[in-house]
Amino acid sequence: MGSIMGKKQQPRRKHIPQRTCVICREKKDKRNLTRIVKTLDDGIQIDPTGKMNGRGAYLCDNVECWQKAASTDRLAQALRTAISQIDRERIEAAMPH
């Protein structure tokens, strides 16, 4: 006889992936963060799908985190690359309002 005899089986909860913002270090649902990717061909890109190839880092929707990502080297450290001025402008253009 099975060990679950007499017990009601609870519906299984769906796993929700968690990621950490590289600036404020808060853990949030992956879908609530924006992925920034270092690609071989195109440099730093914003990845709205979360599936682009390359090394990725996540930013929350806090404007201050985006400003720090564009102005400091924390995002560069997370992506293990140097961030050019063009890449910084791309990050500022994608900043949530």
PDB file of N, CA and C in Angstrom:
ATOM      1  N   MET A   1       0.826  -1.179   0.000  1.00  0.00           N
ATOM      2  CA  MET A   1       0.000   0.000   0.000  1.00  0.00           C
ATOM      3  C   MET A   1       0.873   1.247   0.000  1.00  0.00           C
ATOM      4  N   GLY A   2       0.430   2.273  -0.712  1.00  0.00           N
ATOM      5  CA  GLY A   2       1.197   3.508  -0.800  1.00  0.00           C
ATOM      6  C   GLY A   2       1.125   4.323   0.483  1.00  0.00           C
ATOM      7  N   SER A   3       2.093   5.136   0.683  1.00  0.00           N
ATOM      8  CA  SER A   3       2.162   5.950   1.883  1.00  0.00           C
ATOM      9  C   SER A   3       1.223   7.157   1.833  1.00  0.00           C
ATOM     10  N   ILE A   4       0.599   7.403   0.674  1.00  0.00           N
ATOM     11  CA  ILE A   4      -0.301   8.548   0.566  1.00  0.00           C
ATOM     12  C   ILE A   4      -1.758   8.143   0.740  1.00  0.00           C
ATOM     13  N   MET A   5      -1.999   6.904   1.136  1.00  0.00           N
ATOM     14  CA  MET A   5      -3.366   6.445   1.366  1.00  0.00           C
ATOM     15  C   MET A   5      -3.998   7.276   2.470  1.00  0.00           C
ATOM     16  N   GLY A   6      -5.205   7.734   2.238  1.00  0.00           N
ATOM     17  CA  GLY A   6      -5.910   8.485   3.252  1.00  0.00           C
ATOM     18  C   GLY A   6      -5.550   9.969   3.293  1.00  0.00           C
ATOM     19  N   LYS A   7      -4.566  10.397   2.532  1.00  0.00           N
ATOM     20  CA  LYS A   7      -4.179  11.816   2.508  1.00  0.00           C
ATOM     21  C   LYS A   7      -4.659  12.441   1.204  1.00  0.00           C
ATOM     22  N   LYS A   8      -5.137  13.651   1.311  1.00  0.00           N
ATOM     23  CA  LYS A   8      -5.501  14.388   0.107  1.00  0.00           C
ATOM     24  C   LYS A   8      -4.238  14.925  -0.533  1.00  0.00           C
ATOM     25  N   GLN A   9      -4.111  14.730  -1.823  1.00  0.00           N
ATOM     26  CA  GLN A   9      -2.939  15.259  -2.504  1.00  0.00           C
ATOM     27  C   GLN A   9      -3.179  16.712  -2.869  1.00  0.00           C
ATOM     28  N   GLN A  10      -2.238  17.555  -2.486  1.00  0.00           N
ATOM     29  CA  GLN A  10      -2.314  18.974  -2.798  1.00  0.00           C
ATOM     30  C   GLN A  10      -1.909  19.182  -4.256  1.00  0.00           C
ATOM     31  N   PRO A  11      -2.556  20.144  -4.941  1.00  0.00           N
ATOM     32  CA  PRO A  11      -2.086  20.438  -6.298  1.00  0.00           C
ATOM     33  C   PRO A  11      -0.672  20.996  -6.233  1.00  0.00           C
ATOM     34  N   ARG A  12       0.151  20.579  -7.159  1.00  0.00           N
ATOM     35  CA  ARG A  12       1.551  20.970  -7.161  1.00  0.00           C
ATOM     36  C   ARG A  12       1.690  22.425  -7.599  1.00  0.00           C
ATOM     37  N   ARG A  13       2.464  23.196  -6.845  1.00  0.00           N
ATOM     38  CA  ARG A  13       2.712  24.590  -7.201  1.00  0.00           C
ATOM     39  C   ARG A  13       3.729  24.664  -8.320  1.00  0.00           C
ATOM     40  N   LYS A  14       3.491  25.601  -9.231  1.00  0.00           N
ATOM     41  CA  LYS A  14       4.420  25.794 -10.334  1.00  0.00           C
ATOM     42  C   LYS A  14       5.666  26.527  -9.834  1.00  0.00           C
ATOM     43  N   HIS A  15       6.835  26.054 -10.245  1.00  0.00           N
ATOM     44  CA  HIS A  15       8.101  26.682  -9.856  1.00  0.00           C
ATOM     45  C   HIS A  15       8.241  28.024 -10.565  1.00  0.00           C
ATOM     46  N   ILE A  16       8.569  29.060  -9.803  1.00  0.00           N
ATOM     47  CA  ILE A  16       8.796  30.392 -10.370  1.00  0.00           C
ATOM     48  C   ILE A  16      10.270  30.723 -10.180  1.00  0.00           C
ATOM     49  N   PRO A  17      11.037  30.815 -11.286  1.00  0.00           N
ATOM     50  CA  PRO A  17      12.476  31.095 -11.162  1.00  0.00           C
ATOM     51  C   PRO A  17      12.735  32.452 -10.520  1.00  0.00           C
ATOM     52  N   GLN A  18      13.738  32.501  -9.656  1.00  0.00           N
ATOM     53  CA  GLN A  18      14.134  33.727  -8.970  1.00  0.00           C
ATOM     54  C   GLN A  18      15.492  34.179  -9.498  1.00  0.00           C
ATOM     55  N   ARG A  19      15.662  35.479  -9.638  1.00  0.00           N
ATOM     56  CA  ARG A  19      16.937  36.055 -10.031  1.00  0.00           C
ATOM     57  C   ARG A  19      17.215  37.261  -9.149  1.00  0.00           C
ATOM     58  N   THR A  20      18.476  37.727  -9.134  1.00  0.00           N
ATOM     59  CA  THR A  20      18.887  38.839  -8.291  1.00  0.00           C
ATOM     60  C   THR A  20      19.310  40.020  -9.145  1.00  0.00           C
ATOM     61  N   CYS A  21      18.803  41.196  -8.803  1.00  0.00           N
ATOM     62  CA  CYS A  21      19.231  42.429  -9.465  1.00  0.00           C
ATOM     63  C   CYS A  21      20.695  42.660  -9.115  1.00  0.00           C
ATOM     64  N   VAL A  22      21.540  42.921 -10.110  1.00  0.00           N
ATOM     65  CA  VAL A  22      22.973  43.077  -9.865  1.00  0.00           C
ATOM     66  C   VAL A  22      23.314  44.378  -9.141  1.00  0.00           C
ATOM     67  N   ILE A  23      22.392  45.313  -9.076  1.00  0.00           N
ATOM     68  CA  ILE A  23      22.644  46.593  -8.420  1.00  0.00           C
ATOM     69  C   ILE A  23      22.142  46.581  -6.976  1.00  0.00           C
ATOM     70  N   CYS A  24      20.845  46.355  -6.765  1.00  0.00           N
ATOM     71  CA  CYS A  24      20.294  46.427  -5.404  1.00  0.00           C
ATOM     72  C   CYS A  24      20.332  45.083  -4.677  1.00  0.00           C
ATOM     73  N   ARG A  25      20.650  43.999  -5.377  1.00  0.00           N
ATOM     74  CA  ARG A  25      20.803  42.654  -4.819  1.00  0.00           C
ATOM     75  C   ARG A  25      19.487  42.073  -4.281  1.00  0.00           C
ATOM     76  N   GLU A  26      18.333  42.586  -4.710  1.00  0.00           N
ATOM     77  CA  GLU A  26      17.039  42.039  -4.289  1.00  0.00           C
ATOM     78  C   GLU A  26      16.659  40.884  -5.195  1.00  0.00           C
ATOM     79  N   LYS A  27      16.161  39.796  -4.577  1.00  0.00           N
ATOM     80  CA  LYS A  27      15.677  38.652  -5.349  1.00  0.00           C
ATOM     81  C   LYS A  27      14.231  38.891  -5.742  1.00  0.00           C
ATOM     82  N   LYS A  28      13.936  38.632  -7.002  1.00  0.00           N
ATOM     83  CA  LYS A  28      12.584  38.807  -7.523  1.00  0.00           C
ATOM     84  C   LYS A  28      12.308  37.716  -8.541  1.00  0.00           C
ATOM     85  N   ASP A  29      11.047  37.612  -8.952  1.00  0.00           N
ATOM     86  CA  ASP A  29      10.693  36.674 -10.011  1.00  0.00           C
ATOM     87  C   ASP A  29      11.428  37.064 -11.285  1.00  0.00           C
ATOM     88  N   LYS A  30      11.899  36.064 -12.005  1.00  0.00           N
ATOM     89  CA  LYS A  30      12.664  36.306 -13.226  1.00  0.00           C
ATOM     90  C   LYS A  30      11.886  37.177 -14.223  1.00  0.00           C
ATOM     91  N   ARG A  31      10.589  36.975 -14.303  1.00  0.00           N
ATOM     92  CA  ARG A  31       9.760  37.730 -15.257  1.00  0.00           C
ATOM     93  C   ARG A  31       9.619  39.202 -14.886  1.00  0.00           C
ATOM     94  N   ASN A  32       9.920  39.556 -13.644  1.00  0.00           N
ATOM     95  CA  ASN A  32       9.826  40.950 -13.208  1.00  0.00           C
ATOM     96  C   ASN A  32      11.142  41.697 -13.342  1.00  0.00           C
ATOM     97  N   LEU A  33      12.158  41.054 -13.875  1.00  0.00           N
ATOM     98  CA  LEU A  33      13.464  41.677 -14.065  1.00  0.00           C
ATOM     99  C   LEU A  33      13.778  41.750 -15.559  1.00  0.00           C
ATOM    100  N   THR A  34      14.688  42.644 -15.914  1.00  0.00           N
ATOM    101  CA  THR A  34      15.124  42.778 -17.309  1.00  0.00           C
ATOM    102  C   THR A  34      16.528  42.199 -17.418  1.00  0.00           C
ATOM    103  N   ARG A  35      16.730  41.361 -18.421  1.00  0.00           N
ATOM    104  CA  ARG A  35      18.028  40.731 -18.622  1.00  0.00           C
ATOM    105  C   ARG A  35      18.877  41.574 -19.568  1.00  0.00           C
ATOM    106  N   ILE A  36      20.111  41.807 -19.170  1.00  0.00           N
ATOM    107  CA  ILE A  36      21.107  42.500 -19.992  1.00  0.00           C
ATOM    108  C   ILE A  36      22.133  41.444 -20.387  1.00  0.00           C
ATOM    109  N   VAL A  37      22.485  41.371 -21.667  1.00  0.00           N
ATOM    110  CA  VAL A  37      23.340  40.298 -22.165  1.00  0.00           C
ATOM    111  C   VAL A  37      24.577  40.851 -22.856  1.00  0.00           C
ATOM    112  N   LYS A  38      25.706  40.197 -22.588  1.00  0.00           N
ATOM    113  CA  LYS A  38      26.931  40.486 -23.336  1.00  0.00           C
ATOM    114  C   LYS A  38      26.995  39.469 -24.465  1.00  0.00           C
ATOM    115  N   THR A  39      26.893  39.937 -25.706  1.00  0.00           N
ATOM    116  CA  THR A  39      26.964  39.050 -26.865  1.00  0.00           C
ATOM    117  C   THR A  39      28.326  39.187 -27.526  1.00  0.00           C
ATOM    118  N   LEU A  40      28.698  38.173 -28.249  1.00  0.00           N
ATOM    119  CA  LEU A  40      29.987  38.212 -28.944  1.00  0.00           C
ATOM    120  C   LEU A  40      29.997  39.217 -30.085  1.00  0.00           C
ATOM    121  N   ASP A  41      28.887  39.308 -30.814  1.00  0.00           N
ATOM    122  CA  ASP A  41      28.852  40.131 -32.015  1.00  0.00           C
ATOM    123  C   ASP A  41      28.380  41.563 -31.783  1.00  0.00           C
ATOM    124  N   ASP A  42      27.376  41.731 -30.921  1.00  0.00           N
ATOM    125  CA  ASP A  42      26.708  43.027 -30.815  1.00  0.00           C
ATOM    126  C   ASP A  42      26.959  43.771 -29.511  1.00  0.00           C
ATOM    127  N   GLY A  43      27.878  43.315 -28.691  1.00  0.00           N
ATOM    128  CA  GLY A  43      28.153  43.996 -27.426  1.00  0.00           C
ATOM    129  C   GLY A  43      27.042  43.784 -26.418  1.00  0.00           C
ATOM    130  N   ILE A  44      26.734  44.806 -25.636  1.00  0.00           N
ATOM    131  CA  ILE A  44      25.705  44.733 -24.601  1.00  0.00           C
ATOM    132  C   ILE A  44      24.331  44.938 -25.242  1.00  0.00           C
ATOM    133  N   GLN A  45      23.403  44.033 -24.961  1.00  0.00           N
ATOM    134  CA  GLN A  45      22.049  44.107 -25.509  1.00  0.00           C
ATOM    135  C   GLN A  45      21.023  43.951 -24.396  1.00  0.00           C
ATOM    136  N   ILE A  46      19.850  44.546 -24.590  1.00  0.00           N
ATOM    137  CA  ILE A  46      18.719  44.333 -23.697  1.00  0.00           C
ATOM    138  C   ILE A  46      17.995  43.104 -24.236  1.00  0.00           C
ATOM    139  N   ASP A  47      17.706  42.139 -23.350  1.00  0.00           N
ATOM    140  CA  ASP A  47      17.087  40.877 -23.770  1.00  0.00           C
ATOM    141  C   ASP A  47      15.686  40.750 -23.179  1.00  0.00           C
ATOM    142  N   PRO A  48      14.668  41.240 -23.891  1.00  0.00           N
ATOM    143  CA  PRO A  48      13.313  41.170 -23.343  1.00  0.00           C
ATOM    144  C   PRO A  48      12.772  39.733 -23.245  1.00  0.00           C
ATOM    145  N   THR A  49      13.302  38.819 -24.047  1.00  0.00           N
ATOM    146  CA  THR A  49      12.815  37.436 -24.020  1.00  0.00           C
ATOM    147  C   THR A  49      13.452  36.630 -22.895  1.00  0.00           C
ATOM    148  N   GLY A  50      14.647  37.036 -22.446  1.00  0.00           N
ATOM    149  CA  GLY A  50      15.351  36.286 -21.412  1.00  0.00           C
ATOM    150  C   GLY A  50      16.006  35.018 -21.928  1.00  0.00           C
ATOM    151  N   LYS A  51      16.093  34.872 -23.252  1.00  0.00           N
ATOM    152  CA  LYS A  51      16.622  33.634 -23.833  1.00  0.00           C
ATOM    153  C   LYS A  51      17.792  33.846 -24.789  1.00  0.00           C
ATOM    154  N   MET A  52      18.261  35.071 -24.917  1.00  0.00           N
ATOM    155  CA  MET A  52      19.344  35.377 -25.843  1.00  0.00           C
ATOM    156  C   MET A  52      20.639  34.710 -25.381  1.00  0.00           C
ATOM    157  N   ASN A  53      21.439  34.242 -26.330  1.00  0.00           N
ATOM    158  CA  ASN A  53      22.722  33.631 -26.003  1.00  0.00           C
ATOM    159  C   ASN A  53      23.692  34.689 -25.489  1.00  0.00           C
ATOM    160  N   GLY A  54      24.508  34.298 -24.520  1.00  0.00           N
ATOM    161  CA  GLY A  54      25.518  35.193 -23.978  1.00  0.00           C
ATOM    162  C   GLY A  54      25.424  35.270 -22.472  1.00  0.00           C
ATOM    163  N   ARG A  55      26.405  35.907 -21.876  1.00  0.00           N
ATOM    164  CA  ARG A  55      26.428  36.067 -20.418  1.00  0.00           C
ATOM    165  C   ARG A  55      25.414  37.135 -20.030  1.00  0.00           C
ATOM    166  N   GLY A  56      24.579  36.841 -19.061  1.00  0.00           N
ATOM    167  CA  GLY A  56      23.509  37.756 -18.695  1.00  0.00           C
ATOM    168  C   GLY A  56      23.585  38.235 -17.258  1.00  0.00           C
ATOM    169  N   ALA A  57      22.952  39.360 -17.021  1.00  0.00           N
ATOM    170  CA  ALA A  57      22.776  39.926 -15.684  1.00  0.00           C
ATOM    171  C   ALA A  57      21.379  40.544 -15.658  1.00  0.00           C
ATOM    172  N   TYR A  58      20.814  40.662 -14.467  1.00  0.00           N
ATOM    173  CA  TYR A  58      19.439  41.132 -14.347  1.00  0.00           C
ATOM    174  C   TYR A  58      19.371  42.466 -13.618  1.00  0.00           C
ATOM    175  N   LEU A  59      18.428  43.322 -14.073  1.00  0.00           N
ATOM    176  CA  LEU A  59      18.142  44.600 -13.433  1.00  0.00           C
ATOM    177  C   LEU A  59      16.657  44.669 -13.122  1.00  0.00           C
ATOM    178  N   CYS A  60      16.325  45.190 -11.925  1.00  0.00           N
ATOM    179  CA  CYS A  60      14.918  45.366 -11.567  1.00  0.00           C
ATOM    180  C   CYS A  60      14.387  46.621 -12.262  1.00  0.00           C
ATOM    181  N   ASP A  61      13.115  46.920 -12.059  1.00  0.00           N
ATOM    182  CA  ASP A  61      12.490  48.067 -12.730  1.00  0.00           C
ATOM    183  C   ASP A  61      12.699  49.385 -12.004  1.00  0.00           C
ATOM    184  N   ASN A  62      13.558  49.398 -10.998  1.00  0.00           N
ATOM    185  CA  ASN A  62      13.860  50.613 -10.252  1.00  0.00           C
ATOM    186  C   ASN A  62      14.769  51.507 -11.111  1.00  0.00           C
ATOM    187  N   VAL A  63      14.354  52.745 -11.335  1.00  0.00           N
ATOM    188  CA  VAL A  63      15.115  53.676 -12.185  1.00  0.00           C
ATOM    189  C   VAL A  63      16.513  53.912 -11.616  1.00  0.00           C
ATOM    190  N   GLU A  64      16.630  53.965 -10.285  1.00  0.00           N
ATOM    191  CA  GLU A  64      17.945  54.182  -9.664  1.00  0.00           C
ATOM    192  C   GLU A  64      18.916  53.057  -9.999  1.00  0.00           C
ATOM    193  N   CYS A  65      18.423  51.813 -10.056  1.00  0.00           N
ATOM    194  CA  CYS A  65      19.286  50.683 -10.421  1.00  0.00           C
ATOM    195  C   CYS A  65      19.782  50.835 -11.853  1.00  0.00           C
ATOM    196  N   TRP A  66      18.905  51.269 -12.749  1.00  0.00           N
ATOM    197  CA  TRP A  66      19.301  51.458 -14.149  1.00  0.00           C
ATOM    198  C   TRP A  66      20.330  52.584 -14.276  1.00  0.00           C
ATOM    199  N   GLN A  67      20.141  53.660 -13.511  1.00  0.00           N
ATOM    200  CA  GLN A  67      21.095  54.766 -13.557  1.00  0.00           C
ATOM    201  C   GLN A  67      22.462  54.319 -13.043  1.00  0.00           C
ATOM    202  N   LYS A  68      22.489  53.552 -11.963  1.00  0.00           N
ATOM    203  CA  LYS A  68      23.760  53.042 -11.444  1.00  0.00           C
ATOM    204  C   LYS A  68      24.392  52.066 -12.420  1.00  0.00           C
ATOM    205  N   ALA A  69      23.577  51.250 -13.087  1.00  0.00           N
ATOM    206  CA  ALA A  69      24.107  50.298 -14.067  1.00  0.00           C
ATOM    207  C   ALA A  69      24.777  51.023 -15.219  1.00  0.00           C
ATOM    208  N   ALA A  70      24.205  52.159 -15.620  1.00  0.00           N
ATOM    209  CA  ALA A  70      24.758  52.923 -16.741  1.00  0.00           C
ATOM    210  C   ALA A  70      25.978  53.750 -16.330  1.00  0.00           C
ATOM    211  N   SER A  71      26.060  54.129 -15.047  1.00  0.00           N
ATOM    212  CA  SER A  71      27.123  55.048 -14.653  1.00  0.00           C
ATOM    213  C   SER A  71      28.265  54.407 -13.859  1.00  0.00           C
ATOM    214  N   THR A  72      28.051  53.227 -13.285  1.00  0.00           N
ATOM    215  CA  THR A  72      29.115  52.580 -12.504  1.00  0.00           C
ATOM    216  C   THR A  72      29.608  51.326 -13.226  1.00  0.00           C
ATOM    217  N   ASP A  73      30.562  50.638 -12.612  1.00  0.00           N
ATOM    218  CA  ASP A  73      31.119  49.428 -13.219  1.00  0.00           C
ATOM    219  C   ASP A  73      30.518  48.132 -12.677  1.00  0.00           C
ATOM    220  N   ARG A  74      29.452  48.209 -11.882  1.00  0.00           N
ATOM    221  CA  ARG A  74      28.872  46.989 -11.308  1.00  0.00           C
ATOM    222  C   ARG A  74      28.318  46.054 -12.380  1.00  0.00           C
ATOM    223  N   LEU A  75      27.650  46.609 -13.384  1.00  0.00           N
ATOM    224  CA  LEU A  75      27.127  45.783 -14.468  1.00  0.00           C
ATOM    225  C   LEU A  75      28.281  45.190 -15.276  1.00  0.00           C
ATOM    226  N   ALA A  76      29.326  45.967 -15.497  1.00  0.00           N
ATOM    227  CA  ALA A  76      30.502  45.482 -16.224  1.00  0.00           C
ATOM    228  C   ALA A  76      31.138  44.305 -15.490  1.00  0.00           C
ATOM    229  N   GLN A  77      31.203  44.373 -14.156  1.00  0.00           N
ATOM    230  CA  GLN A  77      31.761  43.272 -13.371  1.00  0.00           C
ATOM    231  C   GLN A  77      30.885  42.032 -13.488  1.00  0.00           C
ATOM    232  N   ALA A  78      29.576  42.215 -13.440  1.00  0.00           N
ATOM    233  CA  ALA A  78      28.654  41.077 -13.533  1.00  0.00           C
ATOM    234  C   ALA A  78      28.738  40.407 -14.901  1.00  0.00           C
ATOM    235  N   LEU A  79      28.934  41.206 -15.941  1.00  0.00           N
ATOM    236  CA  LEU A  79      29.016  40.662 -17.302  1.00  0.00           C
ATOM    237  C   LEU A  79      30.436  40.279 -17.686  1.00  0.00           C
ATOM    238  N   ARG A  80      31.394  40.601 -16.816  1.00  0.00           N
ATOM    239  CA  ARG A  80      32.817  40.309 -17.053  1.00  0.00           C
ATOM    240  C   ARG A  80      33.307  40.896 -18.375  1.00  0.00           C
ATOM    241  N   THR A  81      33.015  42.172 -18.562  1.00  0.00           N
ATOM    242  CA  THR A  81      33.419  42.864 -19.780  1.00  0.00           C
ATOM    243  C   THR A  81      33.480  44.365 -19.513  1.00  0.00           C
ATOM    244  N   ALA A  82      34.096  45.099 -20.409  1.00  0.00           N
ATOM    245  CA  ALA A  82      34.072  46.561 -20.348  1.00  0.00           C
ATOM    246  C   ALA A  82      32.821  47.035 -21.082  1.00  0.00           C
ATOM    247  N   ILE A  83      32.219  48.085 -20.555  1.00  0.00           N
ATOM    248  CA  ILE A  83      31.012  48.622 -21.182  1.00  0.00           C
ATOM    249  C   ILE A  83      31.381  49.930 -21.874  1.00  0.00           C
ATOM    250  N   SER A  84      31.144  49.971 -23.185  1.00  0.00           N
ATOM    251  CA  SER A  84      31.482  51.155 -23.978  1.00  0.00           C
ATOM    252  C   SER A  84      30.440  52.248 -23.766  1.00  0.00           C
ATOM    253  N   GLN A  85      30.746  53.441 -24.254  1.00  0.00           N
ATOM    254  CA  GLN A  85      29.796  54.553 -24.149  1.00  0.00           C
ATOM    255  C   GLN A  85      28.525  54.248 -24.930  1.00  0.00           C
ATOM    256  N   ILE A  86      28.649  53.596 -26.067  1.00  0.00           N
ATOM    257  CA  ILE A  86      27.477  53.218 -26.868  1.00  0.00           C
ATOM    258  C   ILE A  86      26.595  52.254 -26.079  1.00  0.00           C
ATOM    259  N   ASP A  87      27.219  51.284 -25.379  1.00  0.00           N
ATOM    260  CA  ASP A  87      26.464  50.348 -24.554  1.00  0.00           C
ATOM    261  C   ASP A  87      25.757  51.069 -23.408  1.00  0.00           C
ATOM    262  N   ARG A  88      26.440  52.039 -22.800  1.00  0.00           N
ATOM    263  CA  ARG A  88      25.829  52.809 -21.706  1.00  0.00           C
ATOM    264  C   ARG A  88      24.616  53.595 -22.211  1.00  0.00           C
ATOM    265  N   GLU A  89      24.719  54.167 -23.405  1.00  0.00           N
ATOM    266  CA  GLU A  89      23.596  54.897 -23.996  1.00  0.00           C
ATOM    267  C   GLU A  89      22.435  53.954 -24.299  1.00  0.00           C
ATOM    268  N   ARG A  90      22.730  52.733 -24.738  1.00  0.00           N
ATOM    269  CA  ARG A  90      21.703  51.724 -25.008  1.00  0.00           C
ATOM    270  C   ARG A  90      20.962  51.354 -23.716  1.00  0.00           C
ATOM    271  N   ILE A  91      21.714  51.240 -22.623  1.00  0.00           N
ATOM    272  CA  ILE A  91      21.103  50.917 -21.323  1.00  0.00           C
ATOM    273  C   ILE A  91      20.218  52.073 -20.854  1.00  0.00           C
ATOM    274  N   GLU A  92      20.694  53.318 -21.007  1.00  0.00           N
ATOM    275  CA  GLU A  92      19.910  54.481 -20.606  1.00  0.00           C
ATOM    276  C   GLU A  92      18.644  54.604 -21.439  1.00  0.00           C
ATOM    277  N   ALA A  93      18.714  54.257 -22.728  1.00  0.00           N
ATOM    278  CA  ALA A  93      17.543  54.334 -23.611  1.00  0.00           C
ATOM    279  C   ALA A  93      16.483  53.305 -23.214  1.00  0.00           C
ATOM    280  N   ALA A  94      16.900  52.175 -22.659  1.00  0.00           N
ATOM    281  CA  ALA A  94      15.957  51.119 -22.277  1.00  0.00           C
ATOM    282  C   ALA A  94      15.443  51.291 -20.853  1.00  0.00           C
ATOM    283  N   MET A  95      15.901  52.313 -20.162  1.00  0.00           N
ATOM    284  CA  MET A  95      15.550  52.542 -18.761  1.00  0.00           C
ATOM    285  C   MET A  95      14.035  52.713 -18.605  1.00  0.00           C
ATOM    286  N   PRO A  96      13.432  52.038 -17.606  1.00  0.00           N
ATOM    287  CA  PRO A  96      11.986  52.227 -17.382  1.00  0.00           C
ATOM    288  C   PRO A  96      11.699  53.636 -16.868  1.00  0.00           C
ATOM    289  N   HIS A  97      10.550  54.142 -17.200  1.00  0.00           N
ATOM    290  CA  HIS A  97      10.193  55.516 -16.811  1.00  0.00           C
ATOM    291  C   HIS A  97       9.249  55.525 -15.656  1.00  0.00           C
TER     292      HIS A  97
END
